[in-house]
Amino acid sequence: MAKELKIVTLLGNNGDPSEYTVADDTAIVKGELMEKKDASTATKVSGAGVPIAGIAATDKGALDGTTKMAVITHAVVTAYVLSGGSATLGSYVRSGGADNSVTVATTLDNETGKTVGKSEETGTSEEQIDLVMNL
């Protein structure tokens, strides 16, 4: 089961959306974590600790002809903690895997663009937490 992130509050200019090129043959669900592939291309997160572009602003169907989509980069969101993972109030979190979960970031994840945001509360395995995303 995918654990899409849920937007609680858009920050900045309506979440400071950025436009990315996406593959036409891929279905994307609103709230999915998006992995940055280069300056203007993003895909659904493929695993743990990858560079993060933001979260999908809308749904996109496979083979619907859409190759551009908005990705939210600045918001308060609710996310699931990775099974067996954790998050601590004030700590940076990163992608826990392709299921859109998050877990505490490791050394240099923030400096290398791999963090999703900063945890607003402490949580453990499968719990929902709020975090501030400011990419």
Foldseek 3Di string as FASTA:
>chain_A
DAWFKAFPWQDDPRLPWDKAFEDQQDWFAFRFWWADPDPHHIDGFAFWQGATPATFHHTHHGNPPDGMGIHGAWGKIKAFAAAQAWAAAFFWWFAHTSSRHIHGDDPCSVVVRGTQFTWRHIDGGGDITIGTGHD
